[in-house]
Amino acid sequence: MADTTVLRADPSAPGAIDVHAHLLTETYRNALLAAGHELPDGSPALPTWSAAGALALMDDVGIDAAVLSISSPGVYFGDAAAAVGLCSTVNDEAAQIMRDRPDRFGFAASLPLPDVTAAIAEAKRAHADLGADAIALQTNYGGCYLGDPALDPLLAALDALDAVVLIHPASPPCWEQVSFGRPRPMVEFLFDTTRAVFNLALGGALHRYPGIRWVVPHTGGALSVMADRVQAFAAAWALSADDEADVVGGLRRLYYDVAGVPTPRALPALLQLVSTGQILYGSDYPFTPQPFVERFARELVDADVAELRPLGETLRRNAETLFPRFATERRA
């Protein structure tokens, strides 16, 4: 490893914890290919992944640890029973990767939605038996969005576990009409994140399940620039399902990762909504290739966000609030 890295100018300084990092085990990659997802969500390629390759990138960029999760399209490809089996296998594999290097890897367990009963059982298994650091949820499952009452039993179970939930966008159900043939991660992922989180806020789920610590991806999508508009409409037209719901206040309680392109505009806008303590690092590797991970990290370092300095230390401290075991691992 070089004496300096992108996020850590001083090699003795704490490195970031990556809360938006993906894994593609051979099992999961083969399942995607068998289900016709060789170009998931219209992406130009299905990347390869290995723990060794991930560690090499982490060392180059200045990432001390990564919380791994699978990306869209998840584990459900039309067969509920097959989704349960694939989900269990993928979570077991992720747990083994974590056990092999607990100082460098954690994982967010996938759930076999839209089967809510099976999802609750897998969340409890992942928490009790596998030691999962978090739960990964997509913005929607076949058009059933986070905040839909059908998912309330699952959210109640996650609330009881005080779960950290990493949200990941998925293609919207109408993507054929609105993506204009372009890869959905470019535009639609940001809109789907925005749609799902506003649904959580307007439906009152953020208020009803305060034990869930939500992590919103990609610098919050369009949430920061739309928050006041949505709040005003909700008040004027009584659109909230919960009299206690405060859209802006709800958004201010969430955490946000900076995967993607947070600078020069998205991060400053988000910092008008939330405190610096709610900003987390995300690489989106391997769906964001290593050269772009390094480029976006360097742009983050060079950005005019003095309140986040020193960057690596601040990003790590913020993540340790959600994942305190990494603080213990670093001291061991």
Protein backbone atom coordinates (compact mmCIF):
# COMPACT_ATOMS: atom_id res chain seq x y z
CA MET A 1 0.00 0.00 0.00
CA ALA A 2 1.23 3.50 -0.76
CA ASP A 3 2.25 5.86 2.03
CA THR A 4 -0.81 7.98 1.32
CA THR A 5 -4.26 7.18 0.01
CA VAL A 6 -7.09 9.25 -1.41
CA LEU A 7 -9.14 9.57 1.79
CA ARG A 8 -6.24 9.35 4.23
CA ALA A 9 -3.32 11.72 3.67
CA ASP A 10 -1.66 10.50 6.87
CA PRO A 11 -1.24 6.70 6.83
CA SER A 12 -1.70 6.59 10.62
CA ALA A 13 -5.04 8.41 10.48
CA PRO A 14 -8.35 6.54 10.67
CA GLY A 15 -9.79 5.48 7.32
CA ALA A 16 -13.40 5.67 6.22
CA ILE A 17 -16.03 2.99 6.71
CA ASP A 18 -17.80 2.26 3.42
CA VAL A 19 -21.53 1.70 3.99
CA HIS A 20 -22.40 1.41 0.28
CA ALA A 21 -20.28 -1.44 -1.05
CA HIS A 22 -21.55 -4.46 -2.93
CA LEU A 23 -20.54 -8.07 -3.24
CA LEU A 24 -21.20 -10.49 -6.06
CA THR A 25 -20.38 -13.98 -4.92
CA GLU A 26 -20.22 -16.69 -7.57
CA THR A 27 -23.58 -18.01 -6.35
CA TYR A 28 -25.29 -14.65 -6.71
CA ARG A 29 -23.61 -13.79 -10.00
CA ASN A 30 -24.73 -17.12 -11.49
CA ALA A 31 -28.28 -16.53 -10.22
CA LEU A 32 -28.36 -13.12 -11.91
CA LEU A 33 -27.17 -14.59 -15.19
CA ALA A 34 -29.66 -17.46 -15.03
CA ALA A 35 -32.49 -14.99 -14.43
CA GLY A 36 -31.50 -12.83 -17.42
CA HIS A 37 -29.91 -10.01 -15.42
CA GLU A 38 -26.56 -9.98 -17.18
CA LEU A 39 -27.01 -6.19 -17.49
CA PRO A 40 -28.83 -5.38 -14.23
CA ASP A 41 -31.05 -2.29 -14.40
CA GLY A 42 -29.67 -1.54 -17.84
CA SER A 43 -26.09 -1.19 -16.62
CA PRO A 44 -23.47 -1.65 -19.34
CA ALA A 45 -21.93 -4.71 -17.65
CA LEU A 46 -22.17 -7.09 -14.72
CA PRO A 47 -18.92 -6.56 -12.82
CA THR A 48 -16.80 -9.20 -11.19
CA TRP A 49 -15.99 -9.11 -7.49
CA SER A 50 -13.70 -10.81 -5.02
CA ALA A 51 -12.84 -10.12 -1.40
CA ALA A 52 -9.18 -9.77 -2.36
CA GLY A 53 -10.01 -7.23 -5.07
CA ALA A 54 -12.23 -5.29 -2.71
CA LEU A 55 -9.48 -5.16 -0.08
CA ALA A 56 -6.98 -3.89 -2.65
CA LEU A 57 -9.31 -1.05 -3.63
CA MET A 58 -10.02 -0.25 0.03
CA ASP A 59 -6.30 0.02 0.74
CA ASP A 60 -5.75 2.27 -2.27
CA VAL A 61 -8.63 4.62 -1.42
CA GLY A 62 -8.22 4.74 2.36
CA ILE A 63 -11.20 2.62 3.41
CA ASP A 64 -10.68 0.74 6.66
CA ALA A 65 -13.86 -1.36 6.49
CA ALA A 66 -16.83 -1.98 4.21
CA VAL A 67 -20.38 -3.09 4.98
CA LEU A 68 -21.21 -5.36 2.04
CA SER A 69 -24.65 -5.80 0.51
CA ILE A 70 -26.07 -7.04 -2.75
CA SER A 71 -27.40 -4.50 -5.20
CA SER A 72 -30.56 -4.29 -7.29
CA PRO A 73 -32.33 -6.41 -8.52
CA GLY A 74 -32.04 -8.33 -5.24
CA VAL A 75 -32.93 -12.02 -4.91
CA TYR A 76 -36.52 -12.29 -6.18
CA PHE A 77 -36.84 -13.28 -9.83
CA GLY A 78 -40.46 -14.45 -9.87
CA ASP A 79 -40.22 -17.58 -7.69
CA ALA A 80 -40.84 -16.91 -3.99
CA ALA A 81 -39.40 -20.22 -2.77
CA ALA A 82 -36.27 -19.79 -4.88
CA ALA A 83 -35.85 -16.26 -3.50
CA VAL A 84 -35.89 -17.59 0.06
CA GLY A 85 -33.21 -20.13 -0.78
CA LEU A 86 -31.00 -17.72 -2.70
CA CYS A 87 -31.33 -15.07 0.00
CA SER A 88 -30.30 -17.50 2.73
CA THR A 89 -27.29 -18.66 0.72
CA VAL A 90 -26.14 -15.14 -0.14
CA ASN A 91 -26.42 -14.05 3.48
CA ASP A 92 -24.50 -17.11 4.66
CA GLU A 93 -21.74 -16.34 2.15
CA ALA A 94 -21.59 -12.70 3.21
CA ALA A 95 -21.41 -13.74 6.87
CA GLN A 96 -18.46 -16.01 6.09
CA ILE A 97 -16.63 -13.19 4.32
CA MET A 98 -17.17 -11.10 7.45
CA ARG A 99 -15.95 -13.89 9.75
CA ASP A 100 -12.79 -14.27 7.67
CA ARG A 101 -11.93 -10.57 8.05
CA PRO A 102 -14.11 -8.99 10.76
CA ASP A 103 -11.78 -5.99 10.91
CA ARG A 104 -12.35 -5.17 7.23
CA PHE A 105 -15.81 -6.46 6.33
CA GLY A 106 -19.32 -6.31 7.67
CA PHE A 107 -22.54 -7.08 5.82
CA ALA A 108 -26.12 -5.98 5.41
CA ALA A 109 -28.45 -8.96 5.07
CA SER A 110 -30.77 -9.23 2.10
CA LEU A 111 -34.42 -10.22 2.60
CA PRO A 112 -36.62 -12.36 0.30
CA LEU A 113 -39.32 -9.77 -0.31
CA PRO A 114 -42.08 -9.50 -1.40
CA ASP A 115 -42.72 -12.45 1.00
CA VAL A 116 -43.08 -10.44 4.22
CA THR A 117 -43.30 -13.47 6.52
CA ALA A 118 -40.15 -15.00 5.08
CA ALA A 119 -38.43 -11.60 5.19
CA ILE A 120 -39.15 -11.24 8.92
CA ALA A 121 -37.78 -14.72 9.58
CA GLU A 122 -34.61 -14.02 7.60
CA ALA A 123 -34.08 -10.65 9.31
CA LYS A 124 -34.27 -12.34 12.72
CA ARG A 125 -31.92 -15.14 11.59
CA ALA A 126 -29.42 -12.68 10.16
CA HIS A 127 -29.46 -10.69 13.38
CA ALA A 128 -29.34 -13.58 15.86
CA ASP A 129 -27.34 -16.24 14.03
CA LEU A 130 -25.20 -14.48 11.42
CA GLY A 131 -24.25 -11.29 13.23
CA ALA A 132 -25.39 -9.03 10.40
CA ASP A 133 -24.44 -5.39 10.84
CA ALA A 134 -27.50 -4.13 8.97
CA ILE A 135 -30.42 -5.02 6.73
CA ALA A 136 -30.51 -4.05 3.06
CA LEU A 137 -33.87 -3.00 1.60
CA GLN A 138 -34.70 -1.92 -1.95
CA THR A 139 -36.78 1.16 -2.60
CA ASN A 140 -39.50 -0.97 -4.14
CA TYR A 141 -40.38 -4.59 -4.72
CA GLY A 142 -42.44 -4.93 -7.86
CA GLY A 143 -44.01 -1.55 -7.19
CA CYS A 144 -44.54 -2.09 -3.45
CA TYR A 145 -42.59 0.82 -2.00
CA LEU A 146 -41.04 1.29 1.40
CA GLY A 147 -43.75 2.90 3.48
CA ASP A 148 -46.50 0.74 1.98
CA PRO A 149 -48.73 -0.63 4.78
CA ALA A 150 -48.09 -4.16 3.48
CA LEU A 151 -44.53 -3.83 4.79
CA ASP A 152 -45.53 -2.59 8.26
CA PRO A 153 -45.07 -6.01 9.94
CA LEU A 154 -41.50 -6.12 8.62
CA LEU A 155 -40.76 -2.57 9.74
CA ALA A 156 -42.16 -3.38 13.18
CA ALA A 157 -39.79 -6.37 13.40
CA LEU A 158 -36.83 -4.25 12.30
CA ASP A 159 -37.81 -1.57 14.79
CA ALA A 160 -37.78 -4.16 17.57
CA LEU A 161 -34.25 -5.15 16.49
CA ASP A 162 -33.08 -1.50 16.45
CA ALA A 163 -31.87 -2.36 12.96
CA VAL A 164 -29.68 -0.26 10.73
CA VAL A 165 -31.36 -0.35 7.31
CA LEU A 166 -29.40 0.46 4.18
CA ILE A 167 -31.76 1.58 1.41
CA HIS A 168 -30.78 0.77 -2.15
CA PRO A 169 -32.65 2.01 -5.22
CA ALA A 170 -34.27 -0.29 -7.73
CA SER A 171 -35.77 0.29 -11.14
CA PRO A 172 -39.28 1.77 -10.84
CA PRO A 173 -42.14 -0.35 -12.18
CA CYS A 174 -42.61 2.10 -15.06
CA TRP A 175 -38.94 2.21 -16.07
CA GLU A 176 -39.66 1.26 -19.68
CA GLN A 177 -41.58 4.52 -20.16
CA VAL A 178 -39.45 6.92 -18.14
CA SER A 179 -35.82 5.84 -18.59
CA PHE A 180 -35.80 6.50 -22.37
CA GLY A 181 -33.53 3.52 -22.92
CA ARG A 182 -30.81 4.82 -20.62
CA PRO A 183 -29.38 2.83 -17.68
CA ARG A 184 -31.67 3.30 -14.70
CA PRO A 185 -28.84 4.02 -12.20
CA MET A 186 -28.15 7.30 -14.03
CA VAL A 187 -31.46 9.05 -13.27
CA GLU A 188 -34.18 6.66 -12.11
CA PHE A 189 -32.26 5.35 -9.09
CA LEU A 190 -32.14 8.86 -7.62
CA PHE A 191 -35.83 9.44 -8.24
CA ASP A 192 -36.78 6.06 -6.82
CA THR A 193 -34.83 6.77 -3.65
CA THR A 194 -36.60 10.12 -3.37
CA ARG A 195 -39.99 8.51 -3.97
CA ALA A 196 -39.47 5.78 -1.38
CA VAL A 197 -38.16 8.01 1.39
CA PHE A 198 -40.93 10.58 0.94
CA ASN A 199 -43.39 7.69 1.11
CA LEU A 200 -41.86 6.61 4.42
CA ALA A 201 -42.19 10.17 5.73
CA LEU A 202 -45.67 11.00 4.42
CA GLY A 203 -47.09 7.66 5.50
CA GLY A 204 -45.78 8.12 9.03
CA ALA A 205 -43.40 5.12 9.04
CA LEU A 206 -40.44 7.24 10.10
CA HIS A 207 -42.48 8.31 13.13
CA ARG A 208 -43.98 4.88 13.94
CA TYR A 209 -40.72 2.95 13.83
CA PRO A 210 -38.13 5.19 15.54
CA GLY A 211 -35.85 2.25 16.36
CA ILE A 212 -34.86 1.83 12.70
CA ARG A 213 -31.72 3.75 11.73
CA TRP A 214 -32.16 4.46 8.02
CA VAL A 215 -29.25 5.10 5.65
CA VAL A 216 -30.30 6.82 2.43
CA PRO A 217 -28.02 6.34 -0.61
CA HIS A 218 -26.52 8.69 -3.18
CA THR A 219 -26.55 11.88 -1.08
CA GLY A 220 -30.31 11.55 -0.71
CA GLY A 221 -31.23 11.77 -4.38
CA ALA A 222 -33.51 14.79 -4.76
CA LEU A 223 -34.69 14.84 -1.13
CA SER A 224 -32.80 17.92 -0.03
CA VAL A 225 -34.08 20.15 -2.84
CA MET A 226 -37.67 18.86 -2.62
CA ALA A 227 -38.08 18.63 1.16
CA ASP A 228 -39.62 22.07 1.71
CA ARG A 229 -41.99 21.72 -1.24
CA VAL A 230 -43.26 18.35 -0.07
CA GLN A 231 -43.61 19.63 3.50
CA ALA A 232 -45.65 22.61 2.32
CA PHE A 233 -47.97 20.53 0.15
CA ALA A 234 -48.44 17.98 2.93
CA ALA A 235 -49.49 20.74 5.33
CA ALA A 236 -51.68 22.63 2.88
CA TRP A 237 -53.53 19.59 1.58
CA ALA A 238 -53.41 17.41 4.71
CA LEU A 239 -51.59 14.73 2.75
CA SER A 240 -49.83 13.11 5.68
CA ALA A 241 -51.30 9.89 7.04
CA ASP A 242 -49.92 10.76 10.48
CA ASP A 243 -50.71 14.01 12.26
CA GLU A 244 -47.32 13.77 13.98
CA ALA A 245 -45.42 13.42 10.70
CA ASP A 246 -43.02 16.23 9.95
CA VAL A 247 -41.43 15.60 6.56
CA VAL A 248 -38.42 17.85 7.01
CA GLY A 249 -37.97 16.76 10.61
CA GLY A 250 -38.15 13.12 9.56
CA LEU A 251 -35.52 13.58 6.87
CA ARG A 252 -33.26 15.33 9.36
CA ARG A 253 -33.12 12.18 11.51
CA LEU A 254 -31.78 9.95 8.73
CA TYR A 255 -28.24 9.11 7.65
CA TYR A 256 -27.03 9.64 4.08
CA ASP A 257 -24.19 8.06 2.14
CA VAL A 258 -22.22 9.93 -0.50
CA ALA A 259 -21.93 7.12 -3.06
CA GLY A 260 -21.93 8.37 -6.62
CA VAL A 261 -21.27 12.03 -7.39
CA PRO A 262 -21.75 14.08 -4.19
CA THR A 263 -19.81 17.12 -5.32
CA PRO A 264 -19.85 19.90 -6.25
CA ARG A 265 -23.61 20.41 -5.74
CA ALA A 266 -25.39 17.47 -4.05
CA LEU A 267 -23.45 17.40 -0.77
CA PRO A 268 -23.66 21.16 -0.05
CA ALA A 269 -27.43 20.98 -0.62
CA LEU A 270 -27.74 18.01 1.73
CA LEU A 271 -25.73 19.79 4.43
CA GLN A 272 -28.45 22.46 4.50
CA LEU A 273 -30.83 19.72 5.64
CA VAL A 274 -28.77 17.50 7.98
CA SER A 275 -25.78 17.78 10.27
CA THR A 276 -22.29 16.63 9.34
CA GLY A 277 -22.69 13.74 11.79
CA GLN A 278 -25.19 12.08 9.44
CA ILE A 279 -22.90 11.90 6.41
CA LEU A 280 -21.40 8.48 5.62
CA TYR A 281 -18.95 7.32 2.99
CA GLY A 282 -20.03 5.09 0.09
CA SER A 283 -18.02 3.80 -2.85
CA ASP A 284 -20.68 1.77 -4.72
CA TYR A 285 -17.87 -0.61 -5.72
CA PRO A 286 -17.81 -2.70 -7.93
CA PHE A 287 -20.75 -1.16 -9.84
CA THR A 288 -18.70 2.02 -9.75
CA PRO A 289 -15.35 0.88 -11.20
CA GLN A 290 -12.17 1.53 -9.24
CA PRO A 291 -10.93 4.51 -11.33
CA PHE A 292 -14.22 6.31 -10.70
CA VAL A 293 -14.26 5.36 -7.01
CA GLU A 294 -10.85 7.00 -6.73
CA ARG A 295 -11.94 10.03 -8.77
CA PHE A 296 -15.10 10.66 -6.72
CA ALA A 297 -13.18 10.18 -3.47
CA ARG A 298 -10.55 12.66 -4.58
CA GLU A 299 -13.22 15.18 -5.56
CA LEU A 300 -14.78 14.70 -2.13
CA VAL A 301 -11.43 15.41 -0.48
CA ASP A 302 -10.96 18.52 -2.62
CA ALA A 303 -14.50 19.82 -2.10
CA ASP A 304 -15.23 22.96 -0.12
CA VAL A 305 -16.85 21.20 2.84
CA ALA A 306 -14.69 22.38 5.73
CA GLU A 307 -17.24 21.18 8.28
CA LEU A 308 -16.37 17.56 7.37
CA ARG A 309 -12.64 17.99 8.05
CA PRO A 310 -10.63 15.93 8.73
CA LEU A 311 -12.55 13.91 6.18
CA GLY A 312 -11.50 10.32 6.86
CA GLU A 313 -11.75 10.72 10.62
CA THR A 314 -15.16 12.42 10.42
CA LEU A 315 -16.63 9.84 8.06
CA ARG A 316 -15.35 7.01 10.23
CA ARG A 317 -16.65 8.52 13.46
CA ASN A 318 -20.08 9.00 11.90
CA ALA A 319 -20.21 5.35 10.78
CA GLU A 320 -19.06 4.06 14.16
CA THR A 321 -22.23 5.57 15.61
CA LEU A 322 -24.15 2.94 13.63
CA PHE A 323 -21.50 0.21 13.60
CA PRO A 324 -19.67 0.45 16.93
CA ARG A 325 -17.98 -2.94 16.54
CA PHE A 326 -15.61 -1.40 13.99
CA ALA A 327 -14.30 0.92 16.69
CA THR A 328 -13.55 -2.15 18.80
CA GLU A 329 -11.90 -3.92 15.86
CA ARG A 330 -9.67 -0.91 15.20
CA ARG A 331 -8.47 -0.83 18.81
CA ALA A 332 -7.87 -4.59 18.97
